[in-house]
N, C-alpha and C. Protein backbone atom coordinates (compact mmCIF):
# COMPACT_ATOMS: atom_id res chain seq x y z
N MET A 1 -11.81 8.82 3.28
CA MET A 1 -10.37 8.91 3.39
C MET A 1 -9.93 8.12 4.61
N GLY A 2 -9.01 7.18 4.42
CA GLY A 2 -8.50 6.39 5.51
C GLY A 2 -7.12 6.88 5.93
N ARG A 3 -6.51 6.14 6.82
CA ARG A 3 -5.19 6.55 7.31
C ARG A 3 -4.32 5.32 7.51
N PHE A 4 -3.11 5.40 6.97
CA PHE A 4 -2.07 4.40 7.20
C PHE A 4 -1.20 4.92 8.33
N ILE A 5 -1.08 4.13 9.40
CA ILE A 5 -0.30 4.55 10.57
C ILE A 5 0.83 3.54 10.77
N TYR A 6 2.05 4.05 10.77
CA TYR A 6 3.22 3.20 10.94
C TYR A 6 3.85 3.52 12.28
N ASP A 7 3.66 2.67 13.23
CA ASP A 7 4.16 2.79 14.60
C ASP A 7 3.34 3.80 15.41
N THR A 8 3.40 5.08 15.09
CA THR A 8 2.67 6.09 15.86
C THR A 8 1.90 7.02 14.92
N ASN A 9 0.98 7.79 15.49
CA ASN A 9 0.22 8.75 14.68
C ASN A 9 1.11 9.77 13.99
N ALA A 10 2.28 10.04 14.57
CA ALA A 10 3.22 10.97 13.94
C ALA A 10 3.71 10.43 12.59
N ASN A 11 3.64 9.13 12.43
CA ASN A 11 4.05 8.47 11.18
C ASN A 11 2.82 7.97 10.43
N SER A 12 1.93 8.88 10.10
CA SER A 12 0.71 8.48 9.41
C SER A 12 0.54 9.26 8.12
N VAL A 13 -0.20 8.66 7.19
CA VAL A 13 -0.49 9.26 5.90
C VAL A 13 -1.95 8.98 5.58
N ASP A 14 -2.66 10.01 5.12
CA ASP A 14 -4.04 9.82 4.70
C ASP A 14 -4.08 9.25 3.29
N ILE A 15 -4.85 8.18 3.12
CA ILE A 15 -4.99 7.49 1.83
C ILE A 15 -6.45 7.11 1.70
N ASP A 16 -7.01 7.25 0.50
CA ASP A 16 -8.43 6.92 0.36
C ASP A 16 -8.67 5.44 0.68
N ASP A 17 -9.87 5.16 1.19
CA ASP A 17 -10.20 3.82 1.70
C ASP A 17 -9.99 2.71 0.66
N ARG A 18 -10.36 2.97 -0.59
CA ARG A 18 -10.24 1.93 -1.63
C ARG A 18 -8.77 1.56 -1.83
N THR A 19 -7.92 2.57 -1.97
CA THR A 19 -6.49 2.33 -2.15
C THR A 19 -5.91 1.67 -0.91
N LEU A 20 -6.30 2.15 0.26
CA LEU A 20 -5.79 1.60 1.52
C LEU A 20 -6.14 0.12 1.67
N ALA A 21 -7.33 -0.27 1.23
CA ALA A 21 -7.73 -1.68 1.31
C ALA A 21 -6.80 -2.56 0.47
N HIS A 22 -6.40 -2.06 -0.69
CA HIS A 22 -5.50 -2.82 -1.55
C HIS A 22 -4.08 -2.84 -0.98
N LEU A 23 -3.63 -1.72 -0.44
CA LEU A 23 -2.31 -1.68 0.18
C LEU A 23 -2.24 -2.62 1.38
N ARG A 24 -3.32 -2.70 2.13
CA ARG A 24 -3.37 -3.59 3.30
C ARG A 24 -3.12 -5.03 2.89
N ILE A 25 -3.76 -5.47 1.83
CA ILE A 25 -3.59 -6.85 1.35
C ILE A 25 -2.15 -7.10 0.95
N VAL A 26 -1.57 -6.17 0.21
CA VAL A 26 -0.19 -6.32 -0.25
C VAL A 26 0.76 -6.36 0.95
N MET A 27 0.61 -5.41 1.86
CA MET A 27 1.51 -5.35 3.02
C MET A 27 1.39 -6.59 3.90
N MET A 28 0.19 -7.03 4.13
CA MET A 28 0.01 -8.21 4.98
C MET A 28 0.60 -9.45 4.33
N ASN A 29 0.48 -9.57 3.01
CA ASN A 29 1.07 -10.72 2.33
C ASN A 29 2.60 -10.68 2.38
N LYS A 30 3.18 -9.51 2.17
CA LYS A 30 4.63 -9.39 2.25
C LYS A 30 5.14 -9.68 3.67
N LEU A 31 4.47 -9.11 4.66
CA LEU A 31 4.92 -9.29 6.05
C LEU A 31 4.69 -10.72 6.54
N ARG A 32 3.64 -11.34 6.07
CA ARG A 32 3.38 -12.75 6.44
C ARG A 32 4.54 -13.63 5.99
N ARG A 33 5.17 -13.25 4.88
CA ARG A 33 6.31 -14.01 4.34
C ARG A 33 7.64 -13.52 4.91
N SER A 34 7.58 -12.60 5.87
CA SER A 34 8.78 -12.00 6.47
C SER A 34 9.64 -11.32 5.42
N GLU A 35 8.99 -10.57 4.52
CA GLU A 35 9.69 -9.85 3.46
C GLU A 35 9.55 -8.35 3.69
N PRO A 36 10.50 -7.72 4.37
CA PRO A 36 10.43 -6.27 4.54
C PRO A 36 10.61 -5.58 3.19
N PHE A 37 10.11 -4.35 3.07
CA PHE A 37 10.16 -3.62 1.80
C PHE A 37 9.98 -2.13 2.05
N MET A 38 10.31 -1.33 1.05
CA MET A 38 10.15 0.11 1.11
C MET A 38 8.75 0.48 0.60
N PHE A 39 8.10 1.41 1.30
CA PHE A 39 6.81 1.96 0.87
C PHE A 39 6.99 3.46 0.73
N ASP A 40 6.82 3.95 -0.48
CA ASP A 40 7.01 5.36 -0.79
C ASP A 40 5.65 5.94 -1.17
N VAL A 41 5.26 7.02 -0.47
CA VAL A 41 3.93 7.58 -0.68
C VAL A 41 4.00 9.10 -0.73
N GLU A 42 3.19 9.67 -1.62
CA GLU A 42 3.08 11.11 -1.73
C GLU A 42 2.17 11.63 -0.62
N ILE A 43 2.56 12.71 0.03
CA ILE A 43 1.75 13.30 1.10
C ILE A 43 0.60 14.08 0.45
N GLY A 44 -0.60 13.85 0.94
CA GLY A 44 -1.80 14.41 0.36
C GLY A 44 -1.86 15.92 0.32
N ASP A 45 -1.15 16.60 1.22
CA ASP A 45 -1.21 18.06 1.26
C ASP A 45 -0.21 18.71 0.31
N GLY A 46 0.47 17.89 -0.50
CA GLY A 46 1.42 18.43 -1.47
C GLY A 46 2.78 18.78 -0.89
N SER A 47 3.05 18.35 0.33
CA SER A 47 4.30 18.71 0.99
C SER A 47 5.45 17.75 0.68
N GLY A 48 5.28 16.86 -0.25
CA GLY A 48 6.36 15.96 -0.63
C GLY A 48 6.00 14.50 -0.53
N ARG A 49 7.02 13.69 -0.29
CA ARG A 49 6.86 12.24 -0.21
C ARG A 49 7.44 11.75 1.09
N ARG A 50 6.94 10.60 1.53
CA ARG A 50 7.52 9.92 2.70
C ARG A 50 7.83 8.49 2.30
N SER A 51 8.92 8.00 2.84
CA SER A 51 9.31 6.61 2.60
C SER A 51 9.34 5.90 3.94
N PHE A 52 8.74 4.72 3.97
CA PHE A 52 8.69 3.90 5.17
C PHE A 52 9.36 2.57 4.86
N TRP A 53 10.25 2.13 5.74
CA TRP A 53 10.81 0.78 5.64
C TRP A 53 9.84 -0.12 6.40
N ILE A 54 9.06 -0.90 5.68
CA ILE A 54 8.03 -1.75 6.27
C ILE A 54 8.68 -3.04 6.75
N HIS A 55 8.57 -3.28 8.04
CA HIS A 55 9.22 -4.43 8.66
C HIS A 55 8.24 -5.06 9.66
N PRO A 56 8.25 -6.40 9.79
CA PRO A 56 7.30 -7.06 10.69
C PRO A 56 7.39 -6.64 12.15
N SER A 57 8.50 -6.07 12.58
CA SER A 57 8.64 -5.70 13.99
C SER A 57 8.00 -4.36 14.34
N VAL A 58 7.53 -3.62 13.34
CA VAL A 58 6.94 -2.31 13.58
C VAL A 58 5.41 -2.41 13.44
N PRO A 59 4.66 -1.92 14.44
CA PRO A 59 3.20 -1.99 14.37
C PRO A 59 2.64 -1.14 13.23
N ILE A 60 1.65 -1.68 12.55
CA ILE A 60 0.97 -1.00 11.45
C ILE A 60 -0.52 -0.96 11.75
N GLN A 61 -1.15 0.16 11.45
CA GLN A 61 -2.61 0.27 11.56
C GLN A 61 -3.16 0.78 10.24
N PHE A 62 -4.31 0.27 9.87
CA PHE A 62 -5.05 0.74 8.71
C PHE A 62 -6.38 1.23 9.23
N HIS A 63 -6.57 2.53 9.24
CA HIS A 63 -7.80 3.12 9.79
C HIS A 63 -8.70 3.52 8.62
N PHE A 64 -9.81 2.80 8.49
CA PHE A 64 -10.77 3.06 7.42
C PHE A 64 -11.89 3.92 7.98
N PHE A 65 -12.21 5.01 7.29
CA PHE A 65 -13.28 5.88 7.75
C PHE A 65 -14.64 5.45 7.19
N GLY A 66 -14.64 4.76 6.05
CA GLY A 66 -15.89 4.23 5.50
C GLY A 66 -16.28 2.95 6.20
N SER A 67 -17.55 2.62 6.17
CA SER A 67 -18.02 1.43 6.87
C SER A 67 -18.11 0.20 5.96
N ARG A 68 -17.99 0.39 4.66
CA ARG A 68 -18.13 -0.74 3.74
C ARG A 68 -16.79 -1.15 3.16
N GLN A 69 -16.58 -2.44 3.07
CA GLN A 69 -15.37 -3.00 2.46
C GLN A 69 -15.45 -2.82 0.95
N PRO A 70 -14.46 -2.18 0.31
CA PRO A 70 -14.51 -2.03 -1.15
C PRO A 70 -14.27 -3.36 -1.85
N ARG A 71 -14.77 -3.45 -3.07
CA ARG A 71 -14.52 -4.63 -3.90
C ARG A 71 -13.05 -4.62 -4.29
N ILE A 72 -12.40 -5.75 -4.22
CA ILE A 72 -10.97 -5.85 -4.46
C ILE A 72 -10.69 -6.14 -5.94
N ASN A 73 -9.78 -5.38 -6.49
CA ASN A 73 -9.34 -5.53 -7.88
C ASN A 73 -8.07 -6.38 -7.86
N ARG A 74 -8.18 -7.63 -8.26
CA ARG A 74 -7.05 -8.56 -8.18
C ARG A 74 -5.89 -8.15 -9.09
N THR A 75 -6.20 -7.54 -10.22
CA THR A 75 -5.15 -7.07 -11.12
C THR A 75 -4.31 -5.99 -10.43
N TRP A 76 -4.98 -5.09 -9.72
CA TRP A 76 -4.27 -4.04 -9.00
C TRP A 76 -3.39 -4.64 -7.91
N ILE A 77 -3.92 -5.63 -7.19
CA ILE A 77 -3.13 -6.33 -6.15
C ILE A 77 -1.86 -6.91 -6.77
N GLU A 78 -2.00 -7.58 -7.90
CA GLU A 78 -0.84 -8.19 -8.56
C GLU A 78 0.20 -7.13 -8.94
N GLN A 79 -0.25 -6.00 -9.46
CA GLN A 79 0.68 -4.94 -9.85
C GLN A 79 1.36 -4.33 -8.63
N LEU A 80 0.61 -4.14 -7.55
CA LEU A 80 1.20 -3.59 -6.33
C LEU A 80 2.19 -4.58 -5.71
N MET A 81 1.88 -5.87 -5.76
CA MET A 81 2.81 -6.89 -5.24
C MET A 81 4.11 -6.88 -6.03
N LEU A 82 4.02 -6.75 -7.37
CA LEU A 82 5.23 -6.70 -8.18
C LEU A 82 6.06 -5.48 -7.81
N ALA A 83 5.40 -4.34 -7.61
CA ALA A 83 6.11 -3.12 -7.23
C ALA A 83 6.80 -3.31 -5.88
N ALA A 84 6.08 -3.88 -4.91
CA ALA A 84 6.63 -4.06 -3.56
C ALA A 84 7.85 -4.98 -3.58
N SER A 85 7.90 -5.90 -4.52
CA SER A 85 9.02 -6.83 -4.62
C SER A 85 10.15 -6.29 -5.49
N GLY A 86 9.93 -5.15 -6.13
CA GLY A 86 10.93 -4.59 -7.03
C GLY A 86 11.94 -3.71 -6.31
N PRO A 87 12.93 -3.23 -7.04
CA PRO A 87 14.01 -2.44 -6.44
C PRO A 87 13.57 -1.10 -5.87
N SER A 88 12.49 -0.50 -6.38
CA SER A 88 12.04 0.80 -5.88
C SER A 88 11.02 0.67 -4.76
N GLY A 89 10.51 -0.53 -4.54
CA GLY A 89 9.53 -0.74 -3.48
C GLY A 89 8.12 -0.40 -3.89
N LEU A 90 7.24 -0.42 -2.92
CA LEU A 90 5.81 -0.20 -3.13
C LEU A 90 5.51 1.28 -3.26
N THR A 91 4.81 1.63 -4.32
CA THR A 91 4.25 2.96 -4.49
C THR A 91 2.79 2.79 -4.88
N ILE A 92 2.01 3.83 -4.73
CA ILE A 92 0.60 3.75 -5.10
C ILE A 92 0.50 3.94 -6.61
N LEU A 93 0.16 2.87 -7.29
CA LEU A 93 0.00 2.88 -8.74
C LEU A 93 -1.46 3.18 -9.08
N PRO A 94 -1.73 3.74 -10.25
CA PRO A 94 -3.12 3.96 -10.64
C PRO A 94 -3.85 2.62 -10.76
N GLU A 95 -5.12 2.61 -10.40
CA GLU A 95 -5.88 1.36 -10.48
C GLU A 95 -6.17 1.02 -11.94
N PRO A 96 -5.78 -0.20 -12.36
CA PRO A 96 -6.06 -0.63 -13.73
C PRO A 96 -7.47 -1.20 -13.83
N ALA A 97 -7.93 -1.35 -15.07
CA ALA A 97 -9.16 -2.10 -15.28
C ALA A 97 -8.88 -3.53 -14.85
N GLU A 98 -9.89 -4.21 -14.36
CA GLU A 98 -9.66 -5.56 -13.80
C GLU A 98 -9.20 -6.58 -14.82
N ASP A 99 -9.44 -6.34 -16.11
CA ASP A 99 -9.03 -7.33 -17.10
C ASP A 99 -7.64 -7.06 -17.66
N GLU A 100 -6.98 -5.97 -17.21
CA GLU A 100 -5.61 -5.70 -17.66
C GLU A 100 -4.66 -6.69 -17.00
N THR A 101 -3.70 -7.16 -17.77
CA THR A 101 -2.72 -8.07 -17.19
C THR A 101 -1.54 -7.26 -16.68
N PRO A 102 -0.97 -7.67 -15.56
CA PRO A 102 0.16 -6.92 -15.03
C PRO A 102 1.36 -7.00 -15.98
N PRO A 103 2.19 -5.93 -16.00
CA PRO A 103 3.37 -5.97 -16.87
C PRO A 103 4.34 -7.06 -16.42
N ALA A 104 5.01 -7.65 -17.38
CA ALA A 104 5.96 -8.71 -17.05
C ALA A 104 7.17 -8.12 -16.35
N GLU A 105 7.72 -8.92 -15.42
CA GLU A 105 8.93 -8.47 -14.73
C GLU A 105 10.05 -8.46 -15.74
N GLY A 106 10.92 -7.47 -15.62
CA GLY A 106 11.99 -7.41 -16.60
C GLY A 106 13.24 -7.01 -16.06
């Protein structure tokens, strides 16, 4: 289980390492392009959801507890990028099989 930290530890959410690795790629690509976006995530303890306005001026940390880098599913990255660019922002979507094609924008 890893941790996404937005600015301070008080603004952190536990996310499994595999999912966190994929979110890291999506967030870094969006921020590299200076594209802020909303990130909405369910709190692991069942206490609700948190929404973060992801902006390049706010420090982000990705704390991985595992020592091995997971294999990256490019199809999942594409689906997460589409979500991050959409009106509802980035949410954690279920991981698809790698040969699934992302849904067309509509």
